[in-house]
């Protein structure tokens, strides 16, 4: 089977393996891409990412339109030569689906891995009309947060039986426990998008004895106390080193009714780190409270402070959370298991 994989990020095309690049971000010549390497059957897969140049066009698409136009438009005609199109993210798939209403090969199927619930889960206005228009050209949806099922039932009812919850799976070959790295006394938070750093910073102010490092930002729109260090975005291999060195990881999240934050959560758990994370619709599928992680109430400064302080001061608790979390990734939330479940969905929609 010929498959076209369209992703909403830049792809590195390599002649040989580079272990410092995560599997979703690279295509290695002669090797299966990302989760396809776990498929029982081998397929011919072409992977196309988005163009990030020129900067002003990329910025306009990403931050103003919130849709990628160049990728789907350039692949529109070519995509019909494939048996299956897999779009990762609705930012490009919605436009491609609308184009395919104009002209498409009836034998080509289109599967969406919907990480953002149709570009934000909008429930009214022009955005919803576009979602419905595009949805009629989809043959299946995979989603990583169970709450999204309700959105499809309300607004894309014809896809109700063609939408499948598959937990996200992290790359345990890249994120793993490293006993050679000595733990240091700091709390780590990382990620620049969809984070509730205001709640974390307020909690940190009341914990002056604890050092915090936040990676991914160099500025925040509120006062940062002396015990909080802001560190710019860095390469993933350097980020992984910070994860290994941290005493615990905190993931402060706002509330949205779709998938976000799971990659950070599972990467930290795979590295055998205790995690304190906001309880949101995006995390409830991945954490068993007080066993594989510690939940914090959304936007609750006092609860954030109490949970961080509790885990910081209790080494036995940290070790229990770290071990249980890493075991849950191995058993439920790894890349291989995700890949095998994606293959099952493909088999269903290709019948």
Protein backbone atom coordinates (compact mmCIF):
# COMPACT_ATOMS: atom_id res chain seq x y z
CA UNK A 1 0.00 0.00 0.00
CA UNK A 2 1.18 3.50 -0.82
CA UNK A 3 0.75 5.96 2.04
CA UNK A 4 1.25 9.73 2.12
CA UNK A 5 1.99 11.06 5.62
CA UNK A 6 1.48 14.82 6.06
CA UNK A 7 2.74 16.30 9.34
CA UNK A 8 2.53 19.80 10.80
CA UNK A 9 6.23 20.21 11.57
CA UNK A 10 9.56 20.34 9.79
CA UNK A 11 11.06 17.00 8.74
CA UNK A 12 14.79 16.25 8.63
CA UNK A 13 15.61 13.99 5.68
CA UNK A 14 18.76 11.99 6.55
CA UNK A 15 21.04 9.58 4.71
CA UNK A 16 21.99 7.89 7.98
CA UNK A 17 20.61 7.63 11.50
CA UNK A 18 21.00 10.54 13.92
CA UNK A 19 20.15 9.44 17.46
CA UNK A 20 19.92 13.05 18.64
CA UNK A 21 16.78 13.65 16.57
CA UNK A 22 13.44 12.26 17.76
CA UNK A 23 11.72 9.76 15.49
CA UNK A 24 8.75 11.98 14.48
CA UNK A 25 11.19 14.64 13.25
CA UNK A 26 13.28 12.56 10.86
CA UNK A 27 13.07 10.38 7.79
CA UNK A 28 16.13 8.13 7.49
CA UNK A 29 16.84 6.79 4.02
CA UNK A 30 15.84 3.14 3.76
CA UNK A 31 14.21 3.05 7.21
CA UNK A 32 10.49 3.10 8.13
CA UNK A 33 9.25 6.42 9.47
CA UNK A 34 8.21 6.89 13.12
CA UNK A 35 5.51 4.42 14.23
CA UNK A 36 5.44 2.68 10.83
CA UNK A 37 8.50 0.69 11.92
CA UNK A 38 6.25 -1.29 14.27
CA UNK A 39 3.69 -2.25 11.62
CA UNK A 40 3.33 -5.96 10.92
CA UNK A 41 3.03 -5.22 7.21
CA UNK A 42 5.47 -2.95 5.40
CA UNK A 43 4.18 -0.14 3.19
CA UNK A 44 5.61 2.47 0.87
CA UNK A 45 5.37 5.67 2.92
CA UNK A 46 6.21 9.19 1.74
CA UNK A 47 6.48 11.82 4.49
CA UNK A 48 5.99 15.54 3.87
CA UNK A 49 6.40 18.20 6.54
CA UNK A 50 5.62 21.89 6.44
CA UNK A 51 7.78 24.61 4.95
CA UNK A 52 9.21 26.97 7.56
CA UNK A 53 10.62 29.45 5.04
CA UNK A 54 10.27 32.23 4.26
CA UNK A 55 9.78 33.17 7.90
CA UNK A 56 6.99 35.68 7.32
CA UNK A 57 4.79 33.20 5.43
CA UNK A 58 5.35 30.49 8.03
CA UNK A 59 4.53 32.94 10.83
CA UNK A 60 1.38 34.07 9.00
CA UNK A 61 0.16 30.50 8.51
CA UNK A 62 0.97 29.35 12.03
CA UNK A 63 0.10 32.36 14.16
CA UNK A 64 -2.43 34.36 12.14
CA UNK A 65 -4.38 31.88 10.01
CA UNK A 66 -3.83 28.89 12.30
CA UNK A 67 -3.95 26.83 9.12
CA UNK A 68 -1.15 25.59 6.87
CA UNK A 69 -2.07 26.27 3.25
CA UNK A 70 1.09 25.60 1.24
CA UNK A 71 1.53 21.95 2.20
CA UNK A 72 -2.01 20.75 1.37
CA UNK A 73 -2.24 22.87 -1.77
CA UNK A 74 1.10 21.58 -3.10
CA UNK A 75 0.17 17.96 -2.32
CA UNK A 76 -3.45 18.08 -3.47
CA UNK A 77 -2.98 16.56 -6.93
CA UNK A 78 -0.16 14.24 -5.89
CA UNK A 79 -2.09 12.88 -2.92
CA UNK A 80 -4.63 11.16 -5.14
CA UNK A 81 -1.96 8.74 -6.37
CA UNK A 82 -1.84 7.16 -2.92
CA UNK A 83 -4.06 4.52 -1.37
CA UNK A 84 -4.11 6.36 1.95
CA UNK A 85 -3.42 9.89 3.17
CA UNK A 86 -2.61 10.29 6.86
CA UNK A 87 -2.73 13.87 8.13
CA UNK A 88 -1.21 14.56 11.53
CA UNK A 89 -3.09 17.61 12.77
CA UNK A 90 -6.10 19.42 11.39
CA UNK A 91 -4.18 22.62 10.60
CA UNK A 92 -3.40 21.21 7.17
CA UNK A 93 -5.89 18.34 6.88
CA UNK A 94 -8.97 20.58 6.93
CA UNK A 95 -7.80 22.60 3.95
CA UNK A 96 -6.75 19.45 2.08
CA UNK A 97 -10.16 17.89 2.75
CA UNK A 98 -11.91 20.96 1.36
CA UNK A 99 -9.71 20.82 -1.75
CA UNK A 100 -10.53 17.14 -2.13
CA UNK A 101 -14.24 18.00 -2.26
CA UNK A 102 -13.43 19.74 -5.55
CA UNK A 103 -11.47 16.85 -7.01
CA UNK A 104 -10.33 13.56 -5.54
CA UNK A 105 -9.77 9.89 -6.27
CA UNK A 106 -12.69 8.02 -4.72
CA UNK A 107 -10.39 5.11 -3.90
CA UNK A 108 -7.96 7.24 -1.85
CA UNK A 109 -8.80 7.20 1.86
CA UNK A 110 -7.98 10.04 4.26
CA UNK A 111 -7.20 9.41 7.94
CA UNK A 112 -6.73 12.29 10.39
CA UNK A 113 -4.69 12.03 13.59
CA UNK A 114 -6.55 14.84 15.33
CA UNK A 115 -4.29 16.18 18.07
CA UNK A 116 -6.15 19.48 18.51
CA UNK A 117 -9.81 18.50 18.08
CA UNK A 118 -10.33 20.07 14.67
CA UNK A 119 -8.09 23.06 15.28
CA UNK A 120 -9.30 24.00 18.73
CA UNK A 121 -12.66 22.31 19.18
CA UNK A 122 -14.62 25.35 18.04
CA UNK A 123 -18.36 24.85 18.40
CA UNK A 124 -19.83 27.75 16.44
CA UNK A 125 -19.30 30.19 13.60
CA UNK A 126 -17.35 29.87 10.39
CA UNK A 127 -14.75 27.55 11.93
CA UNK A 128 -17.38 24.92 12.74
CA UNK A 129 -18.88 25.22 9.25
CA UNK A 130 -15.45 24.60 7.72
CA UNK A 131 -14.88 21.63 10.02
CA UNK A 132 -18.18 20.06 8.93
CA UNK A 133 -17.45 20.77 5.28
CA UNK A 134 -14.02 19.16 5.51
CA UNK A 135 -15.22 16.31 7.69
CA UNK A 136 -17.27 14.80 4.90
CA UNK A 137 -14.05 13.92 3.06
CA UNK A 138 -12.49 12.10 6.02
CA UNK A 139 -12.61 8.33 6.28
CA UNK A 140 -11.44 8.07 9.87
CA UNK A 141 -10.12 9.95 12.90
CA UNK A 142 -7.58 8.96 15.54
CA UNK A 143 -7.46 11.05 18.73
CA UNK A 144 -5.30 11.02 21.87
CA UNK A 145 -7.72 12.48 24.46
CA UNK A 146 -10.93 10.57 25.14
CA UNK A 147 -12.92 13.76 25.72
CA UNK A 148 -12.75 14.52 21.98
CA UNK A 149 -15.21 11.69 21.29
CA UNK A 150 -18.04 13.96 22.42
CA UNK A 151 -17.10 16.61 19.87
CA UNK A 152 -17.28 14.12 17.01
CA UNK A 153 -20.63 12.81 18.25
CA UNK A 154 -22.10 16.32 18.37
CA UNK A 155 -20.71 17.82 15.17
CA UNK A 156 -19.36 15.00 12.97
CA UNK A 157 -21.92 12.31 13.70
CA UNK A 158 -21.28 10.49 10.41
CA UNK A 159 -17.76 9.78 11.70
CA UNK A 160 -18.95 8.53 15.09
CA UNK A 161 -18.13 4.90 14.29
CA UNK A 162 -14.96 5.88 12.43
CA UNK A 163 -13.26 7.76 15.27
CA UNK A 164 -10.80 5.84 17.43
CA UNK A 165 -9.15 6.72 20.74
CA UNK A 166 -5.50 5.67 20.73
CA UNK A 167 -3.32 6.87 23.63
CA UNK A 168 -0.23 8.75 22.57
CA UNK A 169 2.97 6.74 22.87
CA UNK A 170 6.41 8.16 23.56
CA UNK A 171 9.73 6.92 22.21
CA UNK A 172 11.22 4.84 25.02
CA UNK A 173 14.38 4.27 23.02
CA UNK A 174 15.10 7.99 23.30
CA UNK A 175 13.52 8.80 26.66
CA UNK A 176 14.66 6.33 29.30
CA UNK A 177 16.01 6.28 32.89
CA UNK A 178 19.68 7.22 33.11
CA UNK A 179 21.27 6.25 36.41
CA UNK A 180 24.62 7.65 35.25
CA UNK A 181 23.28 11.21 35.54
CA UNK A 182 23.35 12.60 39.07
CA UNK A 183 20.11 14.14 40.30
CA UNK A 184 20.25 17.84 41.21
CA UNK A 185 17.98 19.84 43.55
CA UNK A 186 15.66 21.64 41.15
CA UNK A 187 12.12 21.37 39.80
CA UNK A 188 11.87 21.28 36.02
CA UNK A 189 9.05 22.60 33.84
CA UNK A 190 9.32 22.73 30.06
CA UNK A 191 7.30 23.66 27.00
CA UNK A 192 6.26 27.03 25.62
CA UNK A 193 2.78 26.34 24.23
CA UNK A 194 -0.39 25.78 26.28
CA UNK A 195 1.20 26.14 29.70
CA UNK A 196 -0.18 27.75 32.85
CA UNK A 197 3.06 29.25 34.08
CA UNK A 198 1.23 31.97 36.00
CA UNK A 199 -0.06 29.42 38.51
CA UNK A 200 3.35 27.74 38.74
CA UNK A 201 5.19 31.04 39.27
CA UNK A 202 2.80 32.08 42.04
CA UNK A 203 3.35 28.72 43.73
CA UNK A 204 7.12 29.06 43.30
CA UNK A 205 7.07 32.46 45.02
CA UNK A 206 5.78 30.77 48.16
CA UNK A 207 8.50 28.08 47.94
CA UNK A 208 11.68 30.21 48.01
CA UNK A 209 13.75 27.27 49.30
CA UNK A 210 13.15 25.34 46.04
CA UNK A 211 14.85 26.16 42.74
CA UNK A 212 12.76 26.03 39.56
CA UNK A 213 13.97 25.87 35.96
CA UNK A 214 11.53 26.60 33.11
CA UNK A 215 12.76 25.66 29.64
CA UNK A 216 11.28 27.10 26.46
CA UNK A 217 10.74 30.74 27.43
CA UNK A 218 12.96 33.71 28.09
CA UNK A 219 10.23 36.07 29.26
CA UNK A 220 6.87 35.96 31.02
CA UNK A 221 4.23 38.71 31.31
CA UNK A 222 4.48 38.75 35.11
CA UNK A 223 7.16 39.03 37.78
CA UNK A 224 9.50 36.05 38.09
CA UNK A 225 10.95 35.42 41.59
CA UNK A 226 14.69 34.85 42.17
CA UNK A 227 14.26 31.09 42.65
CA UNK A 228 12.91 30.66 39.09
CA UNK A 229 15.28 30.49 36.12
CA UNK A 230 13.95 30.97 32.59
CA UNK A 231 15.94 29.04 29.98
CA UNK A 232 15.53 29.46 26.20
CA UNK A 233 14.35 26.72 23.86
CA UNK A 234 17.04 24.07 23.34
CA UNK A 235 17.73 20.92 21.33
CA UNK A 236 15.93 17.82 22.59
CA UNK A 237 19.12 16.01 23.60
CA UNK A 238 20.01 18.89 25.93
CA UNK A 239 16.44 19.00 27.22
CA UNK A 240 16.61 15.30 27.98
CA UNK A 241 19.72 15.95 30.08
CA UNK A 242 17.76 18.48 32.17
CA UNK A 243 14.97 15.94 32.66
CA UNK A 244 17.47 13.37 33.91
CA UNK A 245 19.07 15.86 36.32
CA UNK A 246 15.84 17.21 37.80
CA UNK A 247 14.43 16.06 41.13
CA UNK A 248 10.89 16.18 39.76
CA UNK A 249 8.98 17.54 36.77
CA UNK A 250 5.98 19.87 37.01
CA UNK A 251 3.63 20.31 34.05
CA UNK A 252 1.24 23.23 34.65
CA UNK A 253 -1.55 23.22 32.08
CA UNK A 254 -4.56 25.36 31.22
CA UNK A 255 -7.86 23.60 30.48
CA UNK A 256 -8.86 22.71 26.93
CA UNK A 257 -11.09 19.90 25.73
CA UNK A 258 -8.54 18.24 23.48
CA UNK A 259 -5.11 16.60 23.44
CA UNK A 260 -2.05 18.61 24.51
CA UNK A 261 0.76 18.16 27.01
CA UNK A 262 0.89 14.36 26.80
CA UNK A 263 4.24 14.31 25.04
CA UNK A 264 5.91 16.27 27.85
CA UNK A 265 4.16 14.15 30.46
CA UNK A 266 5.11 10.79 28.94
CA UNK A 267 8.68 11.83 28.14
CA UNK A 268 9.20 12.74 31.79
CA UNK A 269 7.61 9.51 33.01
CA UNK A 270 9.70 7.46 30.57
CA UNK A 271 12.82 9.08 32.06
CA UNK A 272 11.65 7.76 35.44
CA UNK A 273 10.84 11.13 36.95
CA UNK A 274 8.08 11.89 39.42
CA UNK A 275 5.57 14.21 37.77
CA UNK A 276 3.17 16.77 39.18
CA UNK A 277 0.66 17.71 36.48
CA UNK A 278 -2.55 19.69 36.20
CA UNK A 279 -5.66 17.52 36.03
CA UNK A 280 -7.19 18.38 32.66
CA UNK A 281 -9.16 16.56 29.93
CA UNK A 282 -5.81 15.99 28.20
CA UNK A 283 -4.10 14.24 31.14
CA UNK A 284 -6.82 12.16 32.81
CA UNK A 285 -6.29 9.30 30.33
CA UNK A 286 -2.60 9.02 31.23
CA UNK A 287 -2.23 9.37 35.02
CA UNK A 288 -3.46 7.34 37.96
CA UNK A 289 -3.43 9.92 40.74
CA UNK A 290 -1.01 9.24 43.60
CA UNK A 291 0.37 6.22 41.78
CA UNK A 292 1.86 7.17 38.40
CA UNK A 293 1.77 10.91 39.04
CA UNK A 294 0.25 13.63 41.20
CA UNK A 295 -2.70 15.67 39.94
CA UNK A 296 -3.09 19.38 40.68
CA UNK A 297 -6.41 21.23 40.47
CA UNK A 298 -6.51 23.63 37.48
CA UNK A 299 -5.44 27.22 38.24
CA UNK A 300 -5.15 26.44 41.97
CA UNK A 301 -2.00 28.06 43.38
CA UNK A 302 -2.31 26.61 46.88
CA UNK A 303 -2.83 23.09 45.55
CA UNK A 304 0.13 23.48 43.20
CA UNK A 305 2.31 24.65 46.10
CA UNK A 306 1.16 21.82 48.39
CA UNK A 307 1.70 19.09 45.79
CA UNK A 308 5.16 20.31 44.75
CA UNK A 309 6.29 20.66 48.36
CA UNK A 310 4.94 17.23 49.24
CA UNK A 311 6.76 15.45 46.41
CA UNK A 312 9.93 17.53 46.87
CA UNK A 313 10.27 16.54 50.53
CA UNK A 314 9.30 12.86 50.24
CA UNK A 315 12.01 10.78 48.56
CA UNK A 316 10.09 7.54 49.04
CA UNK A 317 7.05 9.03 47.29
CA UNK A 318 9.20 10.35 44.43
CA UNK A 319 10.75 6.95 43.83
CA UNK A 320 7.35 5.24 43.90
CA UNK A 321 5.85 7.72 41.43
CA UNK A 322 8.89 7.53 39.17
CA UNK A 323 8.88 3.73 39.06
CA UNK A 324 5.11 3.40 38.58
CA UNK A 325 5.12 6.11 35.93
CA UNK A 326 7.91 4.56 33.91
CA UNK A 327 6.25 1.14 34.12
CA UNK A 328 2.94 2.56 32.86
CA UNK A 329 4.74 4.03 29.83
CA UNK A 330 6.30 0.65 29.09
CA UNK A 331 2.93 -1.09 29.42
CA UNK A 332 0.47 1.41 27.93
CA UNK A 333 1.94 4.59 26.49
CA UNK A 334 4.85 3.66 24.28
CA UNK A 335 5.48 4.31 20.60
CA UNK A 336 5.31 0.64 19.60
CA UNK A 337 1.88 0.08 21.09
CA UNK A 338 0.60 3.28 19.48
CA UNK A 339 1.94 2.14 16.11
CA UNK A 340 0.27 -1.26 16.32
CA UNK A 341 -3.07 0.36 17.18
CA UNK A 342 -2.73 2.82 14.29
CA UNK A 343 -2.18 -0.14 11.98
CA UNK A 344 -5.41 -1.73 13.25
CA UNK A 345 -7.34 1.46 12.45
CA UNK A 346 -5.84 1.61 8.97
CA UNK A 347 -6.97 -1.96 8.33
CA UNK A 348 -10.53 -1.01 9.34
CA UNK A 349 -10.86 2.09 7.17
CA UNK A 350 -9.26 0.45 4.13
CA UNK A 351 -11.86 -2.33 4.00
